[in-house]
């Protein structure tokens, strides 16, 4: 987003997260459970679990909470099985919204997501109706205030580790990877003790939509707020230029 501070957006997200830490820990706990079920409890042999653990630590999740989540998912045959569900739809003025959820009841989640869109005058679409407007990429944000390396050195390090793009913002650096290369790049930076403000595989819009009418802004914010309040919803991606 040209002209926007990615680090400011990350800080804003973390501030929201800090205000609802219980919800964040619940969300990450579900991700840990799914990662363990898919690839086993040993992070050394499970790159998805390593990525989730890194995300947990970035959100100040205590190590003993992480360990308990891994042991519970690995040892409790009766634990809840979460399924991934993805919903796509439209907000005001054709804004594109993608919702990713982990749920033990797809009917409940689908109804809640549909209700969120309806509350904001939006609509659920068919699978693939808006995802073509986004690119799935690994995205790592490094705050300049946390980084001792200069821009050129950090760029060369990231590219050598497997990143595909590097950009400099006013207060941060953005490193972009292909999803398959994300874990290797994140781990290389972690091993170099480079502090990351955010590191995740995300959906990056190819273009952004500006909303000028107050009613449209209120409606899309209403959709996002309802989705944010839903415990089943893990991630929400949109192309609204906030």
Protein backbone atom coordinates (compact mmCIF):
# COMPACT_ATOMS: atom_id res chain seq x y z
CA UNK A 1 0.00 0.00 0.00
CA UNK A 2 1.92 2.96 -1.26
CA UNK A 3 2.02 5.82 1.17
CA UNK A 4 0.95 3.69 4.13
CA UNK A 5 3.02 2.45 7.02
CA UNK A 6 2.91 -1.34 7.21
CA UNK A 7 4.54 -1.26 10.63
CA UNK A 8 1.88 1.13 11.91
CA UNK A 9 -0.73 -1.37 10.72
CA UNK A 10 1.09 -4.18 12.52
CA UNK A 11 1.32 -2.14 15.72
CA UNK A 12 -2.39 -1.34 15.45
CA UNK A 13 -3.16 -5.06 15.09
CA UNK A 14 -0.96 -5.94 18.06
CA UNK A 15 -2.64 -3.27 20.18
CA UNK A 16 -6.00 -4.80 19.32
CA UNK A 17 -4.59 -8.22 20.07
CA UNK A 18 -3.28 -7.10 23.44
CA UNK A 19 -6.75 -5.87 24.31
CA UNK A 20 -8.16 -9.32 23.52
CA UNK A 21 -5.28 -11.60 24.42
CA UNK A 22 -7.57 -14.44 25.47
CA UNK A 23 -9.10 -14.58 21.99
CA UNK A 24 -5.67 -14.49 20.34
CA UNK A 25 -4.43 -17.35 22.51
CA UNK A 26 -7.56 -19.35 21.67
CA UNK A 27 -7.00 -18.79 17.95
CA UNK A 28 -3.34 -19.76 18.13
CA UNK A 29 -4.23 -22.78 20.27
CA UNK A 30 -6.46 -24.03 17.47
CA UNK A 31 -3.66 -23.50 14.95
CA UNK A 32 -1.30 -25.48 17.17
CA UNK A 33 -3.83 -28.32 17.40
CA UNK A 34 -4.26 -28.48 13.62
CA UNK A 35 -0.51 -28.30 12.98
CA UNK A 36 0.19 -31.14 15.45
CA UNK A 37 -2.57 -33.33 14.00
CA UNK A 38 -1.22 -32.78 10.47
CA UNK A 39 2.52 -33.04 11.08
CA UNK A 40 3.18 -34.36 14.58
CA UNK A 41 4.27 -32.73 17.85
CA UNK A 42 7.98 -32.29 17.08
CA UNK A 43 8.67 -28.78 15.72
CA UNK A 44 11.99 -30.00 14.28
CA UNK A 45 10.03 -32.18 11.86
CA UNK A 46 6.98 -29.97 11.43
CA UNK A 47 7.57 -26.64 9.71
CA UNK A 48 3.95 -25.55 10.09
CA UNK A 49 4.17 -26.09 13.84
CA UNK A 50 7.42 -24.09 13.94
CA UNK A 51 5.68 -21.21 12.18
CA UNK A 52 2.72 -21.32 14.60
CA UNK A 53 5.08 -21.41 17.60
CA UNK A 54 6.88 -18.33 16.22
CA UNK A 55 3.51 -16.59 15.82
CA UNK A 56 2.58 -17.57 19.39
CA UNK A 57 5.81 -16.13 20.78
CA UNK A 58 5.34 -12.92 18.76
CA UNK A 59 2.00 -12.55 20.54
CA UNK A 60 3.65 -13.12 23.96
CA UNK A 61 2.03 -16.51 24.48
CA UNK A 62 3.79 -18.18 27.44
CA UNK A 63 6.02 -21.15 26.63
CA UNK A 64 4.17 -23.42 29.06
CA UNK A 65 0.88 -22.59 27.34
CA UNK A 66 2.42 -23.48 23.98
CA UNK A 67 3.81 -26.74 25.37
CA UNK A 68 0.47 -27.69 26.94
CA UNK A 69 -1.29 -27.07 23.63
CA UNK A 70 1.15 -29.31 21.77
CA UNK A 71 0.92 -32.11 24.35
CA UNK A 72 -2.86 -31.93 24.46
CA UNK A 73 -3.16 -32.14 20.66
CA UNK A 74 -0.65 -34.99 20.50
CA UNK A 75 -1.95 -37.08 23.37
CA UNK A 76 -5.70 -36.53 23.62
CA UNK A 77 -7.51 -38.77 21.13
CA UNK A 78 -10.77 -37.17 22.19
CA UNK A 79 -9.66 -33.60 21.55
CA UNK A 80 -11.68 -31.41 19.25
CA UNK A 81 -10.96 -31.80 15.56
CA UNK A 82 -10.96 -28.43 13.83
CA UNK A 83 -11.61 -28.07 10.12
CA UNK A 84 -10.48 -25.25 7.90
CA UNK A 85 -13.24 -23.24 6.23
CA UNK A 86 -12.76 -20.38 3.77
CA UNK A 87 -15.46 -17.89 2.80
CA UNK A 88 -15.32 -15.19 0.14
CA UNK A 89 -17.60 -12.25 -0.34
CA UNK A 90 -18.17 -8.60 -1.06
CA UNK A 91 -18.39 -5.55 1.16
CA UNK A 92 -19.56 -2.05 0.14
CA UNK A 93 -18.64 -0.86 -3.36
CA UNK A 94 -17.39 -4.30 -4.37
CA UNK A 95 -14.64 -4.48 -1.76
CA UNK A 96 -13.29 -8.03 -1.61
CA UNK A 97 -13.18 -9.97 1.67
CA UNK A 98 -11.73 -13.41 2.42
CA UNK A 99 -12.44 -15.11 5.74
CA UNK A 100 -10.42 -18.08 7.03
CA UNK A 101 -11.81 -20.06 9.95
CA UNK A 102 -10.95 -23.10 12.06
CA UNK A 103 -14.16 -24.67 13.30
CA UNK A 104 -15.67 -27.76 14.88
CA UNK A 105 -19.08 -26.86 13.42
CA UNK A 106 -19.11 -25.60 9.83
CA UNK A 107 -22.86 -24.92 9.86
CA UNK A 108 -22.51 -22.57 12.84
CA UNK A 109 -19.51 -20.80 11.36
CA UNK A 110 -21.10 -20.38 7.93
CA UNK A 111 -24.22 -18.87 9.50
CA UNK A 112 -22.16 -16.47 11.64
CA UNK A 113 -20.01 -15.34 8.72
CA UNK A 114 -23.06 -14.83 6.50
CA UNK A 115 -24.68 -12.79 9.28
CA UNK A 116 -21.58 -10.59 9.57
CA UNK A 117 -21.71 -9.78 5.86
CA UNK A 118 -25.46 -9.11 6.01
CA UNK A 119 -25.07 -6.73 8.98
CA UNK A 120 -22.72 -4.60 6.85
CA UNK A 121 -24.79 -4.68 3.67
CA UNK A 122 -22.37 -7.16 2.11
CA UNK A 123 -22.86 -10.59 0.59
CA UNK A 124 -21.21 -14.00 0.60
CA UNK A 125 -20.06 -15.17 -2.84
CA UNK A 126 -19.00 -18.46 -4.34
CA UNK A 127 -15.60 -20.04 -3.77
CA UNK A 128 -13.02 -18.19 -5.85
CA UNK A 129 -15.17 -15.11 -6.46
CA UNK A 130 -12.60 -12.71 -4.96
CA UNK A 131 -9.50 -14.78 -4.14
CA UNK A 132 -8.16 -14.18 -7.68
CA UNK A 133 -7.74 -10.52 -6.63
CA UNK A 134 -5.17 -11.54 -4.00
CA UNK A 135 -1.73 -13.16 -4.07
CA UNK A 136 -0.82 -15.66 -1.35
CA UNK A 137 2.60 -14.64 -0.07
CA UNK A 138 4.81 -14.92 2.95
CA UNK A 139 5.15 -11.44 4.49
CA UNK A 140 7.72 -10.44 7.10
CA UNK A 141 7.76 -6.96 8.62
CA UNK A 142 10.87 -5.68 10.39
CA UNK A 143 10.65 -2.41 12.32
CA UNK A 144 13.57 -0.07 11.66
CA UNK A 145 13.73 0.72 15.37
CA UNK A 146 14.39 -2.97 16.09
CA UNK A 147 16.91 -3.60 13.30
CA UNK A 148 20.66 -2.97 13.57
CA UNK A 149 21.30 -3.87 9.91
CA UNK A 150 21.11 -1.24 7.20
CA UNK A 151 18.61 -1.63 4.37
CA UNK A 152 21.06 -3.02 1.79
CA UNK A 153 22.48 -5.63 4.15
CA UNK A 154 19.04 -6.76 5.27
CA UNK A 155 17.84 -6.93 1.68
CA UNK A 156 20.80 -9.07 0.57
CA UNK A 157 20.41 -11.34 3.60
CA UNK A 158 16.68 -11.85 2.91
CA UNK A 159 17.17 -12.47 -0.81
CA UNK A 160 20.00 -14.92 -0.15
CA UNK A 161 17.70 -16.76 2.28
CA UNK A 162 15.08 -17.17 -0.47
CA UNK A 163 12.92 -14.03 -0.39
CA UNK A 164 11.54 -12.76 -3.69
CA UNK A 165 11.07 -9.08 -2.89
CA UNK A 166 12.16 -6.41 -0.43
CA UNK A 167 10.81 -2.91 0.12
CA UNK A 168 11.50 -0.06 2.50
CA UNK A 169 8.75 1.92 4.20
CA UNK A 170 9.03 5.00 6.40
CA UNK A 171 9.46 3.02 9.60
CA UNK A 172 9.83 -0.60 8.50
CA UNK A 173 11.08 -3.10 5.95
CA UNK A 174 8.82 -5.55 4.16
CA UNK A 175 10.10 -8.91 2.95
CA UNK A 176 7.95 -10.97 0.58
CA UNK A 177 8.38 -14.68 -0.11
CA UNK A 178 6.61 -17.44 -1.95
CA UNK A 179 4.56 -19.47 0.57
CA UNK A 180 6.85 -22.49 0.14
CA UNK A 181 9.92 -20.40 1.01
CA UNK A 182 8.40 -18.57 3.97
CA UNK A 183 9.52 -20.94 6.72
CA UNK A 184 13.12 -21.04 5.50
CA UNK A 185 13.36 -17.24 5.28
CA UNK A 186 11.70 -16.72 8.68
CA UNK A 187 13.99 -19.26 10.32
CA UNK A 188 17.10 -17.76 8.71
CA UNK A 189 16.15 -14.36 10.14
CA UNK A 190 15.36 -15.87 13.52
CA UNK A 191 18.76 -17.60 13.59
CA UNK A 192 20.38 -14.23 12.82
CA UNK A 193 18.47 -12.71 15.77
CA UNK A 194 16.61 -10.29 13.51
CA UNK A 195 13.51 -9.11 15.37
CA UNK A 196 10.34 -9.47 13.30
CA UNK A 197 7.28 -7.34 14.06
CA UNK A 198 5.18 -9.78 12.06
CA UNK A 199 5.78 -12.95 10.07
CA UNK A 200 2.94 -14.81 8.39
CA UNK A 201 1.64 -16.29 5.18
CA UNK A 202 -1.05 -13.87 4.11
CA UNK A 203 -3.23 -12.78 1.20
CA UNK A 204 -1.99 -9.53 -0.35
CA UNK A 205 -4.46 -7.56 -2.52
CA UNK A 206 -3.35 -6.80 -6.05
CA UNK A 207 -5.27 -3.51 -5.90
CA UNK A 208 -6.97 -1.53 -3.15
CA UNK A 209 -10.43 0.07 -3.07
CA UNK A 210 -10.98 3.48 -1.50
CA UNK A 211 -14.30 4.20 0.20
CA UNK A 212 -15.37 7.83 0.32
CA UNK A 213 -18.93 7.56 1.62
CA UNK A 214 -19.32 7.49 5.41
CA UNK A 215 -22.08 4.86 5.18
CA UNK A 216 -19.80 2.52 3.22
CA UNK A 217 -17.00 2.93 5.75
CA UNK A 218 -19.39 2.24 8.63
CA UNK A 219 -20.71 -0.86 6.87
CA UNK A 220 -17.37 -2.44 6.07
CA UNK A 221 -16.15 -1.72 9.59
CA UNK A 222 -19.31 -3.40 10.89
CA UNK A 223 -18.53 -6.52 8.82
CA UNK A 224 -14.93 -6.62 10.07
CA UNK A 225 -15.98 -6.07 13.70
CA UNK A 226 -18.53 -8.90 13.61
CA UNK A 227 -15.95 -11.22 12.05
CA UNK A 228 -13.35 -10.16 14.61
CA UNK A 229 -15.74 -11.09 17.43
CA UNK A 230 -16.28 -14.62 16.06
CA UNK A 231 -14.03 -17.14 17.84
CA UNK A 232 -14.04 -19.44 14.79
CA UNK A 233 -12.55 -16.77 12.52
CA UNK A 234 -8.76 -16.92 12.32
CA UNK A 235 -7.90 -14.42 9.60
CA UNK A 236 -9.73 -11.79 7.55
CA UNK A 237 -8.21 -10.35 4.37
CA UNK A 238 -9.69 -7.43 2.42
CA UNK A 239 -8.72 -4.86 -0.19
CA UNK A 240 -10.20 -1.80 1.52
CA UNK A 241 -7.63 0.99 1.61
CA UNK A 242 -8.04 2.05 5.22
